[in-house]
């Protein structure tokens, strides 16, 4: 269906109807369809070590068909799980598309996963195959159950996938997958306990195009650069299923993070939409951006962690480009968003994606009124929602709630909705700080601390206290040129008392050279809570 202007959000939301096809194969119905209908640019791959590569949809259609032939001849069949441990290179897009054509269930994995990590995933989902680079093959030597070992390059005992594919036909009869067929398996970051396998259906691969439509407003003629790593769900939706479903070309970069290099690539390749983590934008706004030509860039978006309001404002001042925050989880992907043309409220996640509805509920599952803090809950059914946690029906059931109003999925995130329908995030359900009878969301305190000119990054946790139950403890990373000390602690505390309700101020502040994060860049609050104990 066509996208309605977001200036009239209520009309847009009420007019939207999910029209999920009964059968959907991403490789056939998106990639091959684009190649046959109106072939155009699909993929731009830049690198710190190799020349830039460009691919049309016809290139991806041909190469993915050849990959699919090799994988099928090697013994893989529809429904088999296959680990795909590749960096941000063209082979990742080709392999992922090939998996969908064959009806396989790809399991994206970041390159930094260890042998222990991949062996856990193989055992947990009973994976039958792996596609990786030669330097990662050693991680799989103790995985005897794998039937197919495919490599992008030469490794002893492994299929050289590109070499084998070059001898195959350009055509492939794609598996006719039903909407409810398992289509991809993401593993959570494992910030608490062992990683969970989140399985999505073919309907989700179809539905994720709508966040590209509404949030990023992309389509034919656009080039979007999403910096997320290939092992994380944001890359799947931000660099593959969403943009290609919406008809946009995508850009990826294989290289280490360097703020100046990022800006140079924006100047060089001229993407129209840029998606990056809040951590990256905090680095960008500390730079002199005047040497870079960002004239083609019309929109920036961020997800994965909340963007502080002052970052949004400063990015706009420096570039003239809006930075729109968004909210989602591995179990749903992007569902509450700020949209082009819709007024943005500082600190808000935005409003639900058309076709999606949310409530804020209390511990008993009762819907709360506007401005009351509770747990954010997605109204089901929704095609973006997962099929369930892999091999864990109990955990799946535990995350859903049956009410008189119908079924709800409990996100585990706390927040509130204002009278205009905007949602505000206050913290994870287990991150809420209870201090002297007050419930304090860490994000509220973090936003206030980030406004202080000396602060580069901050994270807030609760610390046990005999008198107050818990106190607010802040861990601060300073900008260059500032020196930690008691005077700076007092200055930050006083600033928070004036920027938000005084009871929220951090009674303790520690300075760190960097915040602990997992390989995806997600903050590890658990480590900070351990330090605060």
Protein backbone atom coordinates (compact mmCIF):
# COMPACT_ATOMS: atom_id res chain seq x y z
CA UNK A 1 0.00 0.00 0.00
CA UNK A 2 1.09 3.58 -0.54
CA UNK A 3 2.58 5.61 2.29
CA UNK A 4 0.49 8.48 3.61
CA UNK A 5 2.08 11.73 4.82
CA UNK A 6 2.95 11.55 8.52
CA UNK A 7 1.85 15.17 9.09
CA UNK A 8 -1.62 13.67 9.53
CA UNK A 9 -0.59 10.83 11.81
CA UNK A 10 -4.06 9.84 13.15
CA UNK A 11 -5.47 9.51 9.63
CA UNK A 12 -2.38 7.65 8.47
CA UNK A 13 -2.62 5.19 11.36
CA UNK A 14 -6.34 4.55 11.01
CA UNK A 15 -6.08 4.09 7.23
CA UNK A 16 -3.33 1.46 7.48
CA UNK A 17 -4.26 -2.20 7.15
CA UNK A 18 -1.80 -5.08 7.20
CA UNK A 19 -2.21 -7.05 3.98
CA UNK A 20 0.12 -9.96 4.70
CA UNK A 21 0.51 -12.29 1.69
CA UNK A 22 -0.18 -15.95 2.30
CA UNK A 23 3.06 -16.90 0.55
CA UNK A 24 6.25 -14.84 0.62
CA UNK A 25 9.85 -15.56 -0.33
CA UNK A 26 12.14 -12.53 0.04
CA UNK A 27 14.62 -13.69 -2.60
CA UNK A 28 11.90 -14.28 -5.17
CA UNK A 29 9.35 -11.60 -4.32
CA UNK A 30 11.77 -8.75 -3.62
CA UNK A 31 15.24 -9.27 -5.13
CA UNK A 32 14.26 -11.22 -8.26
CA UNK A 33 11.17 -9.05 -8.70
CA UNK A 34 13.21 -5.82 -8.63
CA UNK A 35 15.69 -7.29 -11.11
CA UNK A 36 12.94 -8.29 -13.53
CA UNK A 37 10.71 -5.25 -13.14
CA UNK A 38 13.11 -2.29 -13.00
CA UNK A 39 16.74 -3.24 -12.50
CA UNK A 40 18.73 -0.61 -10.60
CA UNK A 41 21.42 -0.11 -7.96
CA UNK A 42 21.00 -2.43 -4.99
CA UNK A 43 24.26 -2.42 -3.02
CA UNK A 44 27.35 -0.27 -2.50
CA UNK A 45 30.21 -1.90 -0.55
CA UNK A 46 33.07 0.26 0.70
CA UNK A 47 36.09 -0.98 2.61
CA UNK A 48 39.22 0.19 4.41
CA UNK A 49 41.28 -2.28 2.38
CA UNK A 50 39.57 -2.86 -0.99
CA UNK A 51 38.06 -0.89 -3.85
CA UNK A 52 34.39 0.08 -3.70
CA UNK A 53 31.99 -2.43 -5.27
CA UNK A 54 28.53 -1.74 -6.72
CA UNK A 55 25.82 -4.28 -7.48
CA UNK A 56 22.52 -4.06 -9.34
CA UNK A 57 19.51 -6.10 -8.22
CA UNK A 58 20.17 -8.33 -11.25
CA UNK A 59 23.67 -9.03 -9.89
CA UNK A 60 22.28 -10.01 -6.48
CA UNK A 61 19.56 -12.13 -8.12
CA UNK A 62 22.11 -14.00 -10.25
CA UNK A 63 24.74 -14.50 -7.55
CA UNK A 64 22.24 -15.55 -4.87
CA UNK A 65 20.75 -18.09 -7.29
CA UNK A 66 24.23 -19.56 -7.83
CA UNK A 67 24.91 -19.65 -4.09
CA UNK A 68 21.55 -21.37 -3.52
CA UNK A 69 22.38 -24.07 -6.08
CA UNK A 70 25.67 -24.85 -4.28
CA UNK A 71 24.04 -24.99 -0.84
CA UNK A 72 21.25 -27.27 -2.06
CA UNK A 73 23.70 -29.56 -3.89
CA UNK A 74 25.75 -29.73 -0.67
CA UNK A 75 22.74 -31.14 1.14
CA UNK A 76 20.90 -28.26 2.78
CA UNK A 77 17.11 -28.26 2.65
CA UNK A 78 14.30 -25.86 3.52
CA UNK A 79 14.04 -25.33 7.26
CA UNK A 80 17.71 -26.06 8.01
CA UNK A 81 19.45 -23.48 10.21
CA UNK A 82 22.67 -22.02 8.80
CA UNK A 83 25.09 -19.76 10.67
CA UNK A 84 26.19 -16.80 8.53
CA UNK A 85 29.31 -15.28 10.10
CA UNK A 86 30.41 -12.65 7.60
CA UNK A 87 31.37 -8.98 7.91
CA UNK A 88 29.78 -6.05 6.04
CA UNK A 89 30.70 -7.32 2.58
CA UNK A 90 28.65 -8.19 -0.49
CA UNK A 91 28.88 -11.91 0.23
CA UNK A 92 26.71 -11.36 3.32
CA UNK A 93 23.83 -9.93 1.29
CA UNK A 94 24.25 -12.60 -1.37
CA UNK A 95 24.38 -15.46 1.15
CA UNK A 96 21.40 -14.14 3.14
CA UNK A 97 19.34 -13.81 -0.04
CA UNK A 98 20.39 -17.29 -1.14
CA UNK A 99 19.20 -18.68 2.19
CA UNK A 100 15.75 -17.14 1.72
CA UNK A 101 15.51 -18.53 -1.82
CA UNK A 102 16.24 -22.03 -0.55
CA UNK A 103 13.95 -21.67 2.48
CA UNK A 104 16.87 -21.97 4.92
CA UNK A 105 16.83 -20.19 8.28
CA UNK A 106 19.96 -18.01 8.43
CA UNK A 107 21.48 -17.29 11.84
CA UNK A 108 23.47 -14.03 11.49
CA UNK A 109 26.60 -13.91 13.68
CA UNK A 110 29.07 -11.09 14.28
CA UNK A 111 32.71 -11.79 13.49
CA UNK A 112 33.83 -11.28 17.08
CA UNK A 113 31.96 -14.35 18.31
CA UNK A 114 34.33 -16.92 19.78
CA UNK A 115 34.36 -20.67 19.22
CA UNK A 116 32.37 -21.05 22.43
CA UNK A 117 29.78 -18.59 21.15
CA UNK A 118 29.24 -20.28 17.79
CA UNK A 119 29.22 -23.77 19.29
CA UNK A 120 26.48 -22.66 21.68
CA UNK A 121 24.39 -21.41 18.75
CA UNK A 122 24.99 -24.54 16.70
CA UNK A 123 23.90 -26.78 19.57
CA UNK A 124 20.99 -24.57 20.60
CA UNK A 125 19.35 -24.36 17.17
CA UNK A 126 20.71 -27.64 15.73
CA UNK A 127 22.39 -25.80 12.87
CA UNK A 128 23.20 -27.88 9.81
CA UNK A 129 25.53 -25.49 8.01
CA UNK A 130 27.77 -22.44 8.25
CA UNK A 131 28.93 -19.76 5.81
CA UNK A 132 31.99 -17.79 6.94
CA UNK A 133 35.46 -16.45 6.09
CA UNK A 134 38.67 -18.53 6.12
CA UNK A 135 39.93 -16.84 9.30
CA UNK A 136 36.84 -17.98 11.23
CA UNK A 137 36.89 -21.65 10.19
CA UNK A 138 39.03 -22.64 13.19
CA UNK A 139 36.10 -21.73 15.45
CA UNK A 140 34.08 -24.58 13.93
CA UNK A 141 36.61 -27.41 14.18
CA UNK A 142 34.81 -28.86 17.23
CA UNK A 143 31.37 -28.82 15.60
CA UNK A 144 31.16 -32.28 14.03
CA UNK A 145 27.39 -32.08 13.51
CA UNK A 146 27.59 -29.52 10.72
CA UNK A 147 26.72 -31.09 7.35
CA UNK A 148 27.79 -28.13 5.22
CA UNK A 149 30.82 -25.90 5.75
CA UNK A 150 30.98 -23.13 3.16
CA UNK A 151 33.62 -20.44 3.00
CA UNK A 152 34.02 -17.17 1.13
CA UNK A 153 37.52 -18.11 0.02
CA UNK A 154 39.88 -21.05 0.37
CA UNK A 155 40.04 -23.18 3.52
CA UNK A 156 41.05 -26.83 3.75
CA UNK A 157 38.01 -29.13 3.91
CA UNK A 158 35.57 -26.29 3.24
CA UNK A 159 33.51 -25.44 0.16
CA UNK A 160 34.83 -22.35 -1.62
CA UNK A 161 31.35 -20.92 -2.10
CA UNK A 162 32.09 -18.21 -4.72
CA UNK A 163 34.28 -20.57 -6.77
CA UNK A 164 31.68 -23.35 -6.71
CA UNK A 165 28.87 -20.88 -7.44
CA UNK A 166 30.60 -19.56 -10.58
CA UNK A 167 29.86 -22.89 -12.27
CA UNK A 168 26.15 -22.88 -11.41
CA UNK A 169 23.08 -21.68 -13.30
CA UNK A 170 21.85 -18.10 -12.96
CA UNK A 171 18.30 -19.34 -12.41
CA UNK A 172 16.89 -20.94 -9.27
CA UNK A 173 13.39 -22.15 -8.46
CA UNK A 174 12.77 -20.52 -5.08
CA UNK A 175 10.97 -22.41 -2.34
CA UNK A 176 7.35 -21.23 -2.08
CA UNK A 177 7.39 -20.35 1.62
CA UNK A 178 4.24 -19.66 3.62
CA UNK A 179 3.90 -16.47 5.68
CA UNK A 180 4.27 -18.39 8.96
CA UNK A 181 7.36 -20.34 7.87
CA UNK A 182 10.48 -19.74 10.03
CA UNK A 183 12.71 -17.42 8.01
CA UNK A 184 15.48 -16.04 10.24
CA UNK A 185 16.90 -16.63 13.71
CA UNK A 186 18.55 -13.79 15.61
CA UNK A 187 20.34 -14.25 18.91
CA UNK A 188 20.03 -11.56 21.53
CA UNK A 189 23.10 -9.82 22.87
CA UNK A 190 23.12 -11.94 26.02
CA UNK A 191 23.28 -8.96 28.34
CA UNK A 192 21.51 -11.08 30.97
CA UNK A 193 22.00 -14.84 30.93
CA UNK A 194 22.63 -16.97 27.83
CA UNK A 195 21.60 -15.53 24.46
CA UNK A 196 18.02 -16.23 23.41
CA UNK A 197 17.19 -17.36 19.89
CA UNK A 198 14.49 -15.13 18.43
CA UNK A 199 12.82 -16.77 15.45
CA UNK A 200 10.93 -14.67 12.90
CA UNK A 201 8.61 -15.81 10.13
CA UNK A 202 8.54 -14.91 6.43
CA UNK A 203 5.75 -12.44 7.24
CA UNK A 204 8.23 -10.38 9.27
CA UNK A 205 10.66 -10.16 6.35
CA UNK A 206 7.73 -8.78 4.37
CA UNK A 207 6.50 -6.41 7.14
CA UNK A 208 9.85 -4.78 7.98
CA UNK A 209 9.69 -2.68 4.80
CA UNK A 210 7.12 -0.44 6.49
CA UNK A 211 9.55 1.04 8.98
CA UNK A 212 11.69 1.92 5.96
CA UNK A 213 8.64 3.45 4.31
CA UNK A 214 7.44 5.52 7.25
CA UNK A 215 10.47 6.11 9.48
CA UNK A 216 13.10 6.59 6.81
CA UNK A 217 10.79 7.48 3.90
CA UNK A 218 13.06 5.64 1.46
CA UNK A 219 12.34 4.09 -1.91
CA UNK A 220 13.70 3.85 -5.44
CA UNK A 221 16.48 6.39 -5.92
CA UNK A 222 17.55 6.40 -2.27
CA UNK A 223 20.79 5.08 -0.82
CA UNK A 224 20.72 4.23 2.89
CA UNK A 225 23.78 3.53 5.02
CA UNK A 226 23.11 1.61 8.23
CA UNK A 227 26.29 1.03 10.25
CA UNK A 228 24.97 -1.89 12.33
CA UNK A 229 27.02 -5.09 12.41
CA UNK A 230 25.73 -7.98 10.31
CA UNK A 231 25.15 -10.19 13.35
CA UNK A 232 22.47 -7.93 14.81
CA UNK A 233 18.83 -7.67 13.90
CA UNK A 234 19.15 -3.95 13.12
CA UNK A 235 21.42 -4.78 10.19
CA UNK A 236 18.93 -7.33 8.87
CA UNK A 237 16.17 -4.77 8.78
CA UNK A 238 18.29 -1.65 8.18
CA UNK A 239 20.65 -3.00 5.49
CA UNK A 240 18.66 -5.76 3.82
CA UNK A 241 15.00 -6.65 4.33
CA UNK A 242 13.59 -3.18 5.04
CA UNK A 243 15.39 -1.09 2.39
CA UNK A 244 15.27 -3.66 -0.40
CA UNK A 245 11.63 -4.35 0.44
CA UNK A 246 11.00 -0.61 0.02
CA UNK A 247 13.04 -0.49 -3.21
CA UNK A 248 16.04 1.46 -1.89
CA UNK A 249 19.72 0.77 -2.47
CA UNK A 250 21.88 0.11 0.59
CA UNK A 251 25.48 0.89 1.51
CA UNK A 252 27.75 -1.03 3.89
CA UNK A 253 31.31 -0.41 5.04
CA UNK A 254 33.83 -3.04 6.05
CA UNK A 255 36.20 -1.32 8.46
CA UNK A 256 36.79 -0.23 12.03
CA UNK A 257 34.83 2.68 13.47
CA UNK A 258 36.54 6.01 12.94
CA UNK A 259 34.42 9.17 13.12
CA UNK A 260 36.45 11.03 10.47
CA UNK A 261 36.30 8.03 8.13
CA UNK A 262 32.52 7.86 8.59
CA UNK A 263 32.18 11.52 7.62
CA UNK A 264 34.50 11.08 4.63
CA UNK A 265 32.34 8.21 3.36
CA UNK A 266 29.18 10.29 3.75
CA UNK A 267 30.93 12.92 1.65
CA UNK A 268 32.21 10.39 -0.90
CA UNK A 269 29.21 8.10 -1.48
CA UNK A 270 26.43 10.64 -0.84
CA UNK A 271 23.83 8.41 0.87
CA UNK A 272 20.45 10.09 1.31
CA UNK A 273 19.68 8.43 4.66
CA UNK A 274 22.15 7.57 7.43
CA UNK A 275 21.40 5.22 10.33
CA UNK A 276 23.87 4.88 13.21
CA UNK A 277 23.97 4.24 16.94
CA UNK A 278 23.67 7.09 19.41
CA UNK A 279 27.26 6.41 20.49
CA UNK A 280 28.44 7.30 16.99
CA UNK A 281 26.43 10.51 16.82
CA UNK A 282 27.92 11.62 20.15
CA UNK A 283 31.34 11.38 18.52
CA UNK A 284 30.22 13.19 15.37
CA UNK A 285 28.86 16.26 17.16
CA UNK A 286 32.25 16.77 18.82
CA UNK A 287 33.88 17.12 15.38
CA UNK A 288 34.30 20.00 12.96
CA UNK A 289 31.97 18.89 10.16
CA UNK A 290 32.51 21.88 7.89
CA UNK A 291 35.02 20.12 5.58
CA UNK A 292 32.46 17.45 4.62
CA UNK A 293 29.82 17.76 1.90
CA UNK A 294 26.61 16.32 3.36
CA UNK A 295 24.31 18.06 0.89
CA UNK A 296 22.73 14.82 -0.37
CA UNK A 297 21.94 13.63 3.16
CA UNK A 298 18.28 14.40 3.90
CA UNK A 299 17.63 12.31 7.01
CA UNK A 300 19.45 10.58 9.87
CA UNK A 301 17.96 7.98 12.19
CA UNK A 302 19.16 6.05 15.22
CA UNK A 303 18.06 3.01 17.19
CA UNK A 304 19.39 0.53 19.73
CA UNK A 305 19.87 3.07 22.51
CA UNK A 306 18.08 6.33 23.18
CA UNK A 307 19.52 9.48 21.64
CA UNK A 308 19.86 12.31 24.14
CA UNK A 309 17.92 15.44 23.12
CA UNK A 310 21.01 17.63 23.04
CA UNK A 311 22.63 15.24 20.52
CA UNK A 312 19.59 15.58 18.26
CA UNK A 313 19.70 19.37 18.49
CA UNK A 314 23.46 19.64 17.95
CA UNK A 315 23.45 17.29 14.94
CA UNK A 316 20.72 19.42 13.39
CA UNK A 317 22.73 22.59 14.05
CA UNK A 318 25.87 21.16 12.47
CA UNK A 319 24.34 19.46 9.42
CA UNK A 320 20.87 20.88 8.89
CA UNK A 321 19.63 17.28 8.90
CA UNK A 322 17.02 15.84 11.27
CA UNK A 323 18.00 12.95 13.54
CA UNK A 324 14.97 10.79 14.30
CA UNK A 325 15.09 8.33 17.17
CA UNK A 326 13.37 4.96 16.97
CA UNK A 327 12.48 2.07 19.27
CA UNK A 328 12.29 -1.65 18.72
CA UNK A 329 13.46 -5.00 19.99
CA UNK A 330 14.94 -8.12 18.42
CA UNK A 331 11.50 -9.70 18.93
CA UNK A 332 9.74 -7.07 16.78
CA UNK A 333 12.26 -4.70 15.23
CA UNK A 334 11.25 -1.07 14.74
CA UNK A 335 7.76 -0.33 16.07
CA UNK A 336 7.68 3.09 17.81
CA UNK A 337 9.24 5.83 15.73
CA UNK A 338 9.63 9.51 15.01
CA UNK A 339 8.67 10.28 11.44
CA UNK A 340 9.61 12.92 8.83
CA UNK A 341 7.02 15.67 8.83
CA UNK A 342 5.72 14.82 12.32
CA UNK A 343 6.56 17.14 15.25
CA UNK A 344 9.31 15.66 17.42
CA UNK A 345 9.14 15.87 21.20
CA UNK A 346 12.62 15.91 22.77
CA UNK A 347 13.33 12.62 24.53
CA UNK A 348 10.38 10.78 23.00
CA UNK A 349 10.66 7.50 21.10
CA UNK A 350 7.83 8.74 18.90
CA UNK A 351 4.52 7.11 18.08
CA UNK A 352 3.67 3.55 17.00
CA UNK A 353 4.26 2.45 13.44
CA UNK A 354 0.97 2.44 11.48
CA UNK A 355 -0.59 -0.97 11.94
CA UNK A 356 0.98 -1.40 15.40
CA UNK A 357 -0.60 -0.54 18.75
CA UNK A 358 0.91 -0.33 22.22
CA UNK A 359 -0.35 0.00 25.77
CA UNK A 360 1.36 0.86 29.03
CA UNK A 361 0.38 -1.71 31.65
CA UNK A 362 0.91 -2.22 35.38
CA UNK A 363 2.09 -5.39 37.11
CA UNK A 364 -1.42 -6.85 36.90
CA UNK A 365 -1.65 -6.20 33.15
CA UNK A 366 -4.15 -3.37 33.48
CA UNK A 367 -3.87 -0.58 30.92
CA UNK A 368 -2.63 2.66 32.48
CA UNK A 369 -3.73 6.18 31.72
CA UNK A 370 -1.65 8.80 29.94
CA UNK A 371 1.52 9.91 31.77
CA UNK A 372 1.52 6.87 34.10
CA UNK A 373 4.73 4.83 34.07
CA UNK A 374 4.42 1.12 33.46
CA UNK A 375 5.63 -1.61 31.14
CA UNK A 376 5.27 -1.01 27.40
CA UNK A 377 3.21 -3.79 25.79
CA UNK A 378 2.59 -4.57 22.12
CA UNK A 379 -0.96 -5.45 21.11
CA UNK A 380 -1.02 -8.83 19.32
CA UNK A 381 -1.35 -10.13 16.67
CA UNK A 382 1.26 -8.17 14.74
CA UNK A 383 3.18 -9.50 11.70
CA UNK A 384 6.44 -7.97 12.94
CA UNK A 385 6.34 -10.00 16.15
CA UNK A 386 8.46 -13.13 16.42
CA UNK A 387 7.23 -16.67 16.06
CA UNK A 388 8.78 -17.25 19.47
CA UNK A 389 12.00 -17.99 21.34
CA UNK A 390 13.69 -20.95 19.71
CA UNK A 391 13.07 -24.19 21.61
CA UNK A 392 11.72 -22.25 24.58
CA UNK A 393 7.90 -22.13 24.55
CA UNK A 394 7.86 -21.43 28.29
CA UNK A 395 9.89 -18.25 27.86
CA UNK A 396 7.67 -17.23 24.95
CA UNK A 397 4.53 -17.73 27.04
CA UNK A 398 6.08 -15.90 29.98
CA UNK A 399 6.63 -12.82 27.82
CA UNK A 400 2.99 -12.62 26.76
CA UNK A 401 -0.05 -11.66 28.77
CA UNK A 402 -3.66 -12.65 28.19
CA UNK A 403 -6.08 -9.90 29.17
CA UNK A 404 -9.76 -9.23 28.67
CA UNK A 405 -8.61 -6.89 25.89
CA UNK A 406 -6.68 -9.64 24.10
CA UNK A 407 -3.07 -10.85 23.96
CA UNK A 408 -0.18 -8.52 24.79
CA UNK A 409 3.58 -8.95 24.45
CA UNK A 410 5.51 -7.50 27.38
CA UNK A 411 8.58 -5.74 26.04
CA UNK A 412 10.39 -5.54 29.39
CA UNK A 413 10.81 -1.79 28.84
CA UNK A 414 9.30 0.80 31.15
CA UNK A 415 7.83 4.06 29.93
CA UNK A 416 4.73 6.16 29.55
CA UNK A 417 2.49 7.60 26.85
CA UNK A 418 1.48 11.25 26.84
CA UNK A 419 -1.88 12.68 25.81
CA UNK A 420 -0.68 13.09 22.20
CA UNK A 421 0.22 9.42 21.87
CA UNK A 422 3.99 9.88 22.13
CA UNK A 423 5.87 7.21 24.08
CA UNK A 424 8.75 7.95 26.44
CA UNK A 425 11.25 5.33 27.60
CA UNK A 426 12.30 5.40 31.26
CA UNK A 427 14.43 2.23 31.46
CA UNK A 428 14.35 -1.54 31.49
CA UNK A 429 11.92 -3.14 33.91
CA UNK A 430 14.85 -4.42 35.95
CA UNK A 431 16.77 -1.12 35.66
CA UNK A 432 14.23 1.04 37.49
CA UNK A 433 15.75 2.58 40.62
CA UNK A 434 13.59 2.60 43.74
CA UNK A 435 14.89 5.27 46.09
CA UNK A 436 13.05 6.38 49.24
CA UNK A 437 9.71 5.51 47.65
CA UNK A 438 10.50 7.15 44.31
CA UNK A 439 10.75 5.13 41.07
CA UNK A 440 13.50 6.66 38.95
CA UNK A 441 14.18 5.72 35.34
CA UNK A 442 17.91 5.83 34.54
CA UNK A 443 17.27 7.48 31.18
CA UNK A 444 15.77 10.54 32.85
CA UNK A 445 18.94 11.07 34.88
CA UNK A 446 21.23 10.25 31.95
CA UNK A 447 19.53 12.83 29.75
CA UNK A 448 20.03 15.49 32.43
CA UNK A 449 23.70 14.61 32.97
CA UNK A 450 24.37 14.57 29.20
CA UNK A 451 23.38 18.24 29.06
CA UNK A 452 26.47 19.16 31.10
CA UNK A 453 29.24 20.34 28.73
CA UNK A 454 31.93 18.08 30.23
CA UNK A 455 30.06 14.79 29.60
CA UNK A 456 30.72 12.56 26.58
CA UNK A 457 28.78 9.49 27.77
CA UNK A 458 26.98 8.46 30.92
CA UNK A 459 25.19 5.45 32.38
CA UNK A 460 23.11 5.36 35.55
CA UNK A 461 22.29 2.40 37.81
CA UNK A 462 20.84 1.86 41.24
CA UNK A 463 23.17 1.18 44.18
CA UNK A 464 21.91 -0.46 47.35
CA UNK A 465 21.67 1.91 50.29
CA UNK A 466 20.71 1.11 53.88
CA UNK A 467 18.72 4.31 54.33
CA UNK A 468 17.04 4.89 50.97
CA UNK A 469 16.88 1.34 49.62
CA UNK A 470 18.77 2.46 46.53
CA UNK A 471 20.56 5.60 45.46
CA UNK A 472 21.32 6.85 41.96
CA UNK A 473 24.87 6.07 40.89
CA UNK A 474 26.29 7.60 37.69
CA UNK A 475 29.27 6.46 35.65
CA UNK A 476 30.58 9.29 33.49
CA UNK A 477 32.98 9.43 30.55
CA UNK A 478 34.43 12.93 30.22
CA UNK A 479 35.13 14.83 27.04
CA UNK A 480 38.82 15.55 26.30
CA UNK A 481 40.18 18.45 28.29
CA UNK A 482 38.19 17.87 31.49
CA UNK A 483 39.72 16.50 34.68
CA UNK A 484 37.81 14.31 37.12
CA UNK A 485 37.54 15.53 40.70
CA UNK A 486 35.25 16.46 43.57
CA UNK A 487 34.53 19.89 42.09
CA UNK A 488 33.29 18.33 38.87
CA UNK A 489 31.16 15.82 40.80
CA UNK A 490 29.46 18.65 42.64
CA UNK A 491 28.97 20.63 39.43
CA UNK A 492 27.25 17.71 37.72
CA UNK A 493 25.07 17.01 40.75
CA UNK A 494 23.98 20.64 40.93
CA UNK A 495 23.24 20.67 37.22
CA UNK A 496 20.98 17.62 37.52
CA UNK A 497 19.09 19.18 40.43
CA UNK A 498 18.22 22.13 38.20
CA UNK A 499 17.61 20.12 35.01
CA UNK A 500 15.14 17.61 36.47
CA UNK A 501 13.39 16.76 39.73
CA UNK A 502 16.02 17.12 42.50
CA UNK A 503 15.34 13.69 43.99
CA UNK A 504 16.75 12.13 40.83
CA UNK A 505 20.24 13.56 41.15
CA UNK A 506 23.15 11.07 41.34
CA UNK A 507 24.36 10.83 44.93
CA UNK A 508 27.49 9.09 43.69
CA UNK A 509 29.49 9.70 40.51
CA UNK A 510 32.45 7.68 39.22
CA UNK A 511 34.53 8.60 36.20
CA UNK A 512 35.52 5.92 33.66
CA UNK A 513 37.65 6.03 30.50
CA UNK A 514 34.87 4.13 28.67
CA UNK A 515 31.55 2.47 29.43
CA UNK A 516 31.41 -1.35 29.25
CA UNK A 517 29.59 -2.50 26.12
CA UNK A 518 29.03 -5.74 24.26
CA UNK A 519 30.29 -6.27 20.67
CA UNK A 520 27.09 -4.64 19.34
CA UNK A 521 27.83 -1.46 21.25
CA UNK A 522 25.01 -2.08 23.73
CA UNK A 523 25.62 -0.85 27.26
CA UNK A 524 26.27 -3.58 29.83
CA UNK A 525 24.42 -2.17 32.84
CA UNK A 526 24.88 -5.42 34.68
CA UNK A 527 28.64 -4.80 34.85
CA UNK A 528 28.03 -1.30 36.16
CA UNK A 529 25.60 -2.60 38.78
CA UNK A 530 28.28 -5.05 39.89
CA UNK A 531 30.81 -2.21 40.17
CA UNK A 532 28.35 -0.13 42.16
CA UNK A 533 27.58 -2.91 44.63
